[in-house]
């Protein structure tokens, strides 16, 4: 058994050809503390429903393009370099309002579960 696992996603642009333009890493990397999806969506794409979560907060990190993340009815304009945290109980949806494809990462983790981070969770070896 190794202390790591790898996967190959290919070119981020090509994720657009997967179902819903998403590559999920939970199963591919056997993640135990979060779910991560890499997303590439076409111009005009909009998640056709609002959703919320029972336990997980989400962080959206925009890598390319621009769009709108609507949280509890509040439209937040996002672009390359934007990051948005959404708490579990908030209703949310995302859409690509730009002129080309939009690429983003979405990280889900149980809200309130992070006890250590950064160098606080590291030790030199």
N, C-alpha and C. Protein backbone atom coordinates (compact mmCIF):
# COMPACT_ATOMS: atom_id res chain seq x y z
N UNK A 1 0.84 -1.18 0.00
CA UNK A 1 0.00 0.00 0.00
C UNK A 1 0.89 1.24 0.00
N UNK A 2 0.52 2.22 -0.80
CA UNK A 2 1.25 3.48 -0.85
C UNK A 2 0.50 4.55 -0.08
N UNK A 3 1.20 5.60 0.23
CA UNK A 3 0.61 6.73 0.95
C UNK A 3 0.13 7.82 0.02
N UNK A 4 -0.12 7.48 -1.22
CA UNK A 4 -0.62 8.46 -2.19
C UNK A 4 -1.40 7.74 -3.28
N UNK A 5 -2.14 8.51 -4.04
CA UNK A 5 -2.91 7.99 -5.18
C UNK A 5 -2.91 9.08 -6.23
N UNK A 6 -2.80 8.71 -7.48
CA UNK A 6 -2.80 9.69 -8.56
C UNK A 6 -3.89 9.37 -9.57
N UNK A 7 -4.25 10.35 -10.35
CA UNK A 7 -5.15 10.16 -11.48
C UNK A 7 -4.76 11.16 -12.55
N UNK A 8 -5.14 10.89 -13.77
CA UNK A 8 -4.88 11.81 -14.88
C UNK A 8 -6.22 12.31 -15.40
N UNK A 9 -6.38 13.62 -15.40
CA UNK A 9 -7.61 14.24 -15.88
C UNK A 9 -7.54 14.58 -17.37
N UNK A 10 -6.32 14.65 -17.90
CA UNK A 10 -6.16 15.12 -19.26
C UNK A 10 -6.21 16.65 -19.27
N UNK A 11 -6.44 17.21 -20.42
CA UNK A 11 -6.51 18.67 -20.54
C UNK A 11 -7.83 19.17 -19.93
N UNK A 12 -7.73 20.22 -19.14
CA UNK A 12 -8.92 20.77 -18.47
C UNK A 12 -10.00 21.13 -19.50
N UNK A 13 -9.59 21.66 -20.64
CA UNK A 13 -10.55 22.01 -21.69
C UNK A 13 -11.39 20.80 -22.11
N UNK A 14 -10.78 19.61 -22.14
CA UNK A 14 -11.48 18.41 -22.60
C UNK A 14 -12.51 17.88 -21.61
N UNK A 15 -12.49 18.37 -20.38
CA UNK A 15 -13.51 17.95 -19.39
C UNK A 15 -14.91 18.35 -19.86
N UNK A 16 -14.98 19.34 -20.74
CA UNK A 16 -16.26 19.78 -21.28
C UNK A 16 -17.01 18.62 -21.94
N UNK A 17 -16.26 17.60 -22.40
CA UNK A 17 -16.86 16.45 -23.08
C UNK A 17 -17.39 15.38 -22.13
N UNK A 18 -17.10 15.50 -20.84
CA UNK A 18 -17.62 14.54 -19.87
C UNK A 18 -19.06 14.90 -19.50
N UNK A 19 -19.75 13.99 -18.85
CA UNK A 19 -21.14 14.24 -18.44
C UNK A 19 -21.20 15.49 -17.58
N UNK A 20 -22.02 16.44 -17.98
CA UNK A 20 -22.20 17.73 -17.29
C UNK A 20 -20.91 18.54 -17.18
N UNK A 21 -19.89 18.20 -17.98
CA UNK A 21 -18.65 18.96 -17.95
C UNK A 21 -17.90 18.87 -16.64
N UNK A 22 -18.02 17.72 -15.94
CA UNK A 22 -17.44 17.57 -14.60
C UNK A 22 -16.55 16.34 -14.51
N UNK A 23 -15.44 16.51 -13.80
CA UNK A 23 -14.61 15.37 -13.42
C UNK A 23 -14.56 15.36 -11.90
N UNK A 24 -15.09 14.31 -11.28
CA UNK A 24 -15.10 14.19 -9.83
C UNK A 24 -13.87 13.43 -9.37
N UNK A 25 -13.26 13.86 -8.28
CA UNK A 25 -12.04 13.23 -7.79
C UNK A 25 -12.26 12.29 -6.61
N UNK A 26 -13.45 12.30 -6.01
CA UNK A 26 -13.72 11.47 -4.83
C UNK A 26 -13.37 10.01 -5.08
N UNK A 27 -13.95 9.42 -6.11
CA UNK A 27 -13.70 8.01 -6.40
C UNK A 27 -12.31 7.79 -6.99
N UNK A 28 -11.91 8.65 -7.91
CA UNK A 28 -10.63 8.48 -8.61
C UNK A 28 -9.45 8.50 -7.64
N UNK A 29 -9.52 9.33 -6.60
CA UNK A 29 -8.43 9.44 -5.64
C UNK A 29 -8.75 8.84 -4.28
N UNK A 30 -9.95 8.24 -4.15
CA UNK A 30 -10.40 7.67 -2.88
C UNK A 30 -10.30 8.70 -1.76
N UNK A 31 -10.85 9.90 -2.01
CA UNK A 31 -10.82 10.97 -1.03
C UNK A 31 -11.67 10.62 0.18
N UNK A 32 -11.24 11.02 1.36
CA UNK A 32 -11.99 10.73 2.59
C UNK A 32 -12.39 11.98 3.36
N UNK A 33 -11.93 13.15 2.96
CA UNK A 33 -12.23 14.36 3.70
C UNK A 33 -12.96 15.43 2.91
N UNK A 34 -13.09 15.22 1.59
CA UNK A 34 -13.76 16.23 0.77
C UNK A 34 -14.11 15.62 -0.58
N UNK A 35 -14.89 16.33 -1.35
CA UNK A 35 -15.15 16.02 -2.76
C UNK A 35 -14.66 17.21 -3.55
N UNK A 36 -13.99 16.95 -4.66
CA UNK A 36 -13.51 18.00 -5.53
C UNK A 36 -13.97 17.68 -6.94
N UNK A 37 -14.53 18.68 -7.61
CA UNK A 37 -14.86 18.50 -9.02
C UNK A 37 -14.16 19.58 -9.83
N UNK A 38 -13.67 19.17 -11.00
CA UNK A 38 -13.08 20.08 -11.97
C UNK A 38 -14.14 20.24 -13.05
N UNK A 39 -14.48 21.48 -13.40
CA UNK A 39 -15.61 21.74 -14.28
C UNK A 39 -15.21 22.62 -15.45
N UNK A 40 -15.66 22.26 -16.63
CA UNK A 40 -15.51 23.10 -17.82
C UNK A 40 -16.87 23.13 -18.50
N UNK A 41 -17.45 24.32 -18.63
CA UNK A 41 -18.80 24.45 -19.19
C UNK A 41 -18.80 25.43 -20.35
N UNK A 42 -19.68 25.19 -21.28
CA UNK A 42 -19.79 26.00 -22.49
C UNK A 42 -20.42 27.36 -22.20
N UNK A 43 -20.20 28.27 -23.12
CA UNK A 43 -20.87 29.57 -23.10
C UNK A 43 -22.38 29.34 -23.00
N UNK A 44 -23.03 30.06 -22.11
CA UNK A 44 -24.47 29.95 -21.95
C UNK A 44 -24.92 28.86 -20.99
N UNK A 45 -24.00 28.02 -20.49
CA UNK A 45 -24.36 26.94 -19.56
C UNK A 45 -24.93 27.53 -18.27
N UNK A 46 -25.97 26.90 -17.75
CA UNK A 46 -26.51 27.25 -16.43
C UNK A 46 -27.00 25.97 -15.77
N UNK A 47 -26.62 25.77 -14.50
CA UNK A 47 -27.19 24.65 -13.75
C UNK A 47 -28.71 24.91 -13.71
N UNK A 48 -29.53 23.98 -14.17
CA UNK A 48 -30.96 24.24 -14.34
C UNK A 48 -31.79 24.18 -13.05
N UNK A 49 -31.11 24.14 -11.91
CA UNK A 49 -31.84 24.06 -10.64
C UNK A 49 -30.99 24.69 -9.54
N UNK A 50 -31.65 25.13 -8.48
CA UNK A 50 -30.95 25.54 -7.26
C UNK A 50 -30.77 24.31 -6.40
N UNK A 51 -29.73 24.31 -5.60
CA UNK A 51 -29.55 23.20 -4.67
C UNK A 51 -28.86 23.70 -3.40
N UNK A 52 -28.95 22.92 -2.35
CA UNK A 52 -28.23 23.17 -1.12
C UNK A 52 -27.75 21.83 -0.59
N UNK A 53 -26.98 21.85 0.47
CA UNK A 53 -26.43 20.61 1.00
C UNK A 53 -26.87 20.39 2.44
N UNK A 54 -26.79 19.16 2.88
CA UNK A 54 -27.14 18.82 4.26
C UNK A 54 -26.01 19.16 5.21
N UNK A 55 -24.74 18.89 4.80
CA UNK A 55 -23.59 19.10 5.69
C UNK A 55 -22.46 19.88 5.05
N UNK A 56 -22.32 19.80 3.74
CA UNK A 56 -21.12 20.30 3.09
C UNK A 56 -21.21 21.75 2.64
N UNK A 57 -20.16 22.52 3.00
CA UNK A 57 -19.99 23.82 2.39
C UNK A 57 -19.27 23.59 1.06
N UNK A 58 -19.42 24.53 0.15
CA UNK A 58 -18.74 24.43 -1.13
C UNK A 58 -17.89 25.68 -1.34
N UNK A 59 -16.75 25.50 -1.98
CA UNK A 59 -15.92 26.62 -2.41
C UNK A 59 -15.78 26.50 -3.92
N UNK A 60 -16.16 27.55 -4.63
CA UNK A 60 -16.01 27.63 -6.08
C UNK A 60 -14.80 28.51 -6.37
N UNK A 61 -13.88 28.01 -7.19
CA UNK A 61 -12.69 28.75 -7.58
C UNK A 61 -12.72 28.86 -9.10
N UNK A 62 -12.84 30.08 -9.60
CA UNK A 62 -12.96 30.29 -11.04
C UNK A 62 -11.56 30.36 -11.65
N UNK A 63 -11.29 29.48 -12.61
CA UNK A 63 -9.99 29.40 -13.27
C UNK A 63 -9.96 30.16 -14.59
N UNK A 64 -11.09 30.18 -15.28
CA UNK A 64 -11.16 30.80 -16.60
C UNK A 64 -12.58 31.22 -16.87
N UNK A 65 -12.76 32.35 -17.54
CA UNK A 65 -14.08 32.81 -17.93
C UNK A 65 -14.74 33.66 -16.87
N UNK A 66 -16.04 33.82 -17.03
CA UNK A 66 -16.80 34.62 -16.08
C UNK A 66 -18.23 34.11 -16.02
N UNK A 67 -18.88 34.44 -14.92
CA UNK A 67 -20.24 33.98 -14.75
C UNK A 67 -20.91 34.60 -13.54
N UNK A 68 -21.97 33.95 -13.12
CA UNK A 68 -22.75 34.40 -11.96
C UNK A 68 -23.01 33.19 -11.08
N UNK A 69 -22.69 33.32 -9.80
CA UNK A 69 -23.11 32.35 -8.80
C UNK A 69 -24.20 33.03 -8.01
N UNK A 70 -25.38 32.43 -7.99
CA UNK A 70 -26.51 33.00 -7.25
C UNK A 70 -26.66 32.23 -5.95
N UNK A 71 -26.60 32.96 -4.84
CA UNK A 71 -26.68 32.38 -3.50
C UNK A 71 -27.83 33.05 -2.77
N UNK A 72 -28.84 32.25 -2.40
CA UNK A 72 -30.03 32.78 -1.71
C UNK A 72 -30.60 33.99 -2.43
N UNK A 73 -30.63 33.93 -3.76
CA UNK A 73 -31.20 35.00 -4.56
C UNK A 73 -30.26 36.16 -4.85
N UNK A 74 -29.06 36.15 -4.28
CA UNK A 74 -28.08 37.21 -4.53
C UNK A 74 -27.14 36.79 -5.65
N UNK A 75 -27.13 37.55 -6.74
CA UNK A 75 -26.28 37.25 -7.89
C UNK A 75 -24.88 37.81 -7.65
N UNK A 76 -23.88 36.92 -7.65
CA UNK A 76 -22.49 37.31 -7.44
C UNK A 76 -21.74 37.15 -8.75
N UNK A 77 -21.23 38.23 -9.29
CA UNK A 77 -20.44 38.17 -10.51
C UNK A 77 -19.07 37.59 -10.18
N UNK A 78 -18.65 36.59 -10.95
CA UNK A 78 -17.36 35.94 -10.72
C UNK A 78 -16.58 35.92 -12.03
N UNK A 79 -15.26 35.87 -11.89
CA UNK A 79 -14.38 35.82 -13.05
C UNK A 79 -13.11 35.08 -12.65
N UNK A 80 -12.22 34.89 -13.60
CA UNK A 80 -10.94 34.23 -13.32
C UNK A 80 -10.31 34.84 -12.07
N UNK A 81 -10.01 33.99 -11.10
CA UNK A 81 -9.41 34.45 -9.84
C UNK A 81 -10.41 34.62 -8.71
N UNK A 82 -11.71 34.57 -8.99
CA UNK A 82 -12.72 34.69 -7.93
C UNK A 82 -12.83 33.39 -7.15
N UNK A 83 -13.11 33.50 -5.86
CA UNK A 83 -13.39 32.34 -5.01
C UNK A 83 -14.60 32.68 -4.15
N UNK A 84 -15.54 31.75 -4.05
CA UNK A 84 -16.78 31.97 -3.30
C UNK A 84 -17.04 30.76 -2.42
N UNK A 85 -17.24 30.99 -1.12
CA UNK A 85 -17.66 29.93 -0.19
C UNK A 85 -19.16 30.03 0.01
N UNK A 86 -19.83 28.88 -0.04
CA UNK A 86 -21.28 28.84 0.16
C UNK A 86 -21.56 27.83 1.27
N UNK A 87 -22.24 28.28 2.32
CA UNK A 87 -22.59 27.40 3.44
C UNK A 87 -23.64 26.38 3.03
N UNK A 88 -23.73 25.26 3.73
CA UNK A 88 -24.63 24.18 3.32
C UNK A 88 -26.09 24.61 3.13
N UNK A 89 -26.62 25.40 4.04
CA UNK A 89 -28.04 25.73 4.02
C UNK A 89 -28.43 26.74 2.95
N UNK A 90 -27.46 27.34 2.27
CA UNK A 90 -27.75 28.34 1.24
C UNK A 90 -28.11 27.68 -0.08
N UNK A 91 -29.12 28.23 -0.73
CA UNK A 91 -29.52 27.78 -2.06
C UNK A 91 -28.57 28.42 -3.08
N UNK A 92 -28.07 27.59 -4.03
CA UNK A 92 -27.10 28.12 -4.98
C UNK A 92 -27.27 27.52 -6.36
N UNK A 93 -26.78 28.28 -7.35
CA UNK A 93 -26.67 27.81 -8.73
C UNK A 93 -25.54 28.60 -9.38
N UNK A 94 -25.05 28.12 -10.50
CA UNK A 94 -23.96 28.79 -11.21
C UNK A 94 -24.25 28.81 -12.70
N UNK A 95 -23.83 29.90 -13.36
CA UNK A 95 -24.00 29.99 -14.81
C UNK A 95 -22.82 30.69 -15.44
N UNK A 96 -22.56 30.33 -16.68
CA UNK A 96 -21.51 30.94 -17.48
C UNK A 96 -22.14 32.08 -18.28
N UNK A 97 -21.76 33.30 -17.99
CA UNK A 97 -22.29 34.46 -18.70
C UNK A 97 -21.26 35.08 -19.63
N UNK A 98 -20.09 34.45 -19.75
CA UNK A 98 -19.02 35.00 -20.57
C UNK A 98 -19.16 34.64 -22.04
N UNK A 99 -18.15 35.04 -22.80
CA UNK A 99 -18.14 34.82 -24.25
C UNK A 99 -17.54 33.48 -24.65
N UNK A 100 -16.96 32.76 -23.71
CA UNK A 100 -16.34 31.47 -24.02
C UNK A 100 -16.59 30.49 -22.91
N UNK A 101 -15.80 29.42 -22.89
CA UNK A 101 -15.99 28.42 -21.84
C UNK A 101 -15.57 28.98 -20.49
N UNK A 102 -16.10 28.37 -19.45
CA UNK A 102 -15.77 28.73 -18.08
C UNK A 102 -15.22 27.48 -17.41
N UNK A 103 -14.12 27.65 -16.69
CA UNK A 103 -13.51 26.54 -15.96
C UNK A 103 -13.48 26.90 -14.48
N UNK A 104 -13.86 25.94 -13.64
CA UNK A 104 -13.82 26.18 -12.20
C UNK A 104 -13.64 24.88 -11.45
N UNK A 105 -13.15 25.03 -10.23
CA UNK A 105 -13.02 23.92 -9.30
C UNK A 105 -14.06 24.13 -8.22
N UNK A 106 -14.71 23.06 -7.81
CA UNK A 106 -15.64 23.12 -6.68
C UNK A 106 -15.16 22.11 -5.63
N UNK A 107 -14.95 22.59 -4.41
CA UNK A 107 -14.51 21.75 -3.30
C UNK A 107 -15.65 21.68 -2.30
N UNK A 108 -16.05 20.47 -1.93
CA UNK A 108 -17.06 20.25 -0.89
C UNK A 108 -16.40 19.61 0.32
N UNK A 109 -16.68 20.14 1.49
CA UNK A 109 -16.20 19.54 2.73
C UNK A 109 -17.21 19.83 3.83
N UNK A 110 -17.25 18.95 4.82
CA UNK A 110 -18.20 19.12 5.91
C UNK A 110 -17.94 20.45 6.62
N UNK A 111 -18.96 21.26 6.70
CA UNK A 111 -18.85 22.58 7.33
C UNK A 111 -18.46 22.43 8.80
N UNK A 112 -17.49 23.21 9.24
CA UNK A 112 -17.06 23.21 10.63
C UNK A 112 -16.14 22.07 11.01
N UNK A 113 -15.67 21.27 10.03
CA UNK A 113 -14.88 20.09 10.38
C UNK A 113 -13.37 20.34 10.35
N UNK A 114 -12.92 21.45 9.80
CA UNK A 114 -11.49 21.70 9.66
C UNK A 114 -10.89 22.09 11.01
N UNK A 115 -9.98 21.29 11.49
CA UNK A 115 -9.35 21.55 12.79
C UNK A 115 -7.95 22.10 12.64
N UNK A 116 -7.24 21.70 11.61
CA UNK A 116 -5.89 22.19 11.36
C UNK A 116 -5.75 22.48 9.88
N UNK A 117 -4.85 23.42 9.55
CA UNK A 117 -4.63 23.75 8.15
C UNK A 117 -3.26 24.40 8.01
N UNK A 118 -2.77 24.44 6.80
CA UNK A 118 -1.48 25.06 6.52
C UNK A 118 -0.38 24.45 7.37
N UNK A 119 0.52 25.28 7.85
CA UNK A 119 1.65 24.80 8.65
C UNK A 119 1.21 24.26 10.01
N UNK A 120 0.02 24.61 10.47
CA UNK A 120 -0.49 24.08 11.72
C UNK A 120 -0.74 22.57 11.66
N UNK A 121 -0.86 22.05 10.45
CA UNK A 121 -1.09 20.62 10.25
C UNK A 121 0.15 19.95 9.65
N UNK A 122 1.29 20.59 9.77
CA UNK A 122 2.52 20.06 9.15
C UNK A 122 3.58 19.82 10.21
N UNK A 123 4.48 18.89 9.91
CA UNK A 123 5.66 18.72 10.72
C UNK A 123 6.83 18.39 9.80
N UNK A 124 7.97 18.90 10.11
CA UNK A 124 9.16 18.66 9.31
C UNK A 124 9.62 17.22 9.48
N UNK A 125 10.05 16.62 8.40
CA UNK A 125 10.58 15.26 8.49
C UNK A 125 11.75 15.07 7.56
